[in-house]
Amino acid sequence: MTATPNIVELKPRITVIGVGGGGGNAVNNMIAQNLEGAEFIVANTDAQALAMSKASRLIQLGVNA
């Protein structure tokens, strides 16, 4: 007898990282288009631009420079 293998469906893990003003705008557009299945991260030196981001994770660059 042969054992039936356990089949596990693997889903891709997609992370979109937008850097700077253009990257932040691109991420906001993707979120506005209801792109699903991806995690969104935005990194920027501009705190005001980060505050306007719709991304779930924000990284402020250059804080301790």
Protein backbone atom coordinates (compact mmCIF):
# COMPACT_ATOMS: atom_id res chain seq x y z
CA MET A 1 0.00 0.00 0.00
CA THR A 2 1.11 3.49 -0.73
CA ALA A 3 0.42 6.29 1.69
CA THR A 4 -1.28 9.35 0.24
CA PRO A 5 0.98 12.35 0.79
CA ASN A 6 -0.40 15.33 2.62
CA ILE A 7 -0.79 18.04 0.05
CA VAL A 8 -0.39 21.54 1.34
CA GLU A 9 -1.34 24.45 -0.86
CA LEU A 10 1.40 27.05 -0.66
CA LYS A 11 0.52 30.66 -1.35
CA PRO A 12 3.12 33.17 -2.43
CA ARG A 13 4.11 35.82 0.07
CA ILE A 14 4.29 39.18 -1.69
CA THR A 15 5.60 42.36 -0.08
CA VAL A 16 5.53 45.65 -1.97
CA ILE A 17 7.96 48.28 -0.67
CA GLY A 18 7.56 51.86 -1.88
CA VAL A 19 10.51 54.18 -1.24
CA GLY A 20 10.26 57.97 -1.49
CA GLY A 21 7.42 60.03 -2.89
CA GLY A 22 7.02 58.04 -6.09
CA GLY A 23 7.11 54.71 -4.29
CA GLY A 24 4.57 55.93 -1.76
CA ASN A 25 2.26 57.11 -4.55
CA ALA A 26 2.59 53.76 -6.33
CA VAL A 27 1.68 51.88 -3.14
CA ASN A 28 -1.32 54.16 -2.50
CA ASN A 29 -2.53 53.54 -6.07
CA MET A 30 -2.22 49.77 -5.62
CA ILE A 31 -4.18 49.93 -2.37
CA ALA A 32 -6.83 52.17 -3.99
CA GLN A 33 -7.22 49.55 -6.76
CA ASN A 34 -7.92 46.93 -4.05
CA LEU A 35 -4.87 44.85 -4.92
CA GLU A 36 -5.11 41.84 -2.60
CA GLY A 37 -2.64 39.26 -1.42
CA ALA A 38 0.25 41.62 -0.75
CA GLU A 39 1.66 43.40 2.27
CA PHE A 40 2.44 47.08 1.69
CA ILE A 41 5.35 48.98 3.24
CA VAL A 42 6.31 52.60 2.60
CA ALA A 43 9.66 54.18 3.53
CA ASN A 44 10.35 57.90 3.31
CA THR A 45 12.32 60.69 4.99
CA ASP A 46 9.25 62.95 4.84
CA ALA A 47 7.03 62.42 7.91
CA GLN A 48 4.12 64.28 6.29
CA ALA A 49 4.21 61.99 3.25
CA LEU A 50 4.24 58.96 5.56
CA ALA A 51 1.21 60.32 7.41
CA MET A 52 -0.72 60.41 4.11
CA SER A 53 0.21 56.82 3.20
CA LYS A 54 -2.42 54.08 3.16
CA ALA A 55 0.21 51.36 3.73
CA SER A 56 -0.06 49.12 6.78
CA ARG A 57 3.64 49.54 7.67
CA LEU A 58 5.55 52.81 7.59
CA ILE A 59 9.29 53.37 7.98
CA GLN A 60 10.71 56.85 8.52
CA LEU A 61 14.21 57.08 7.08
CA GLY A 62 16.98 59.36 8.34
CA VAL A 63 15.57 59.94 11.82
CA ASN A 64 18.95 59.45 13.53
CA ALA A 65 21.13 60.87 10.77
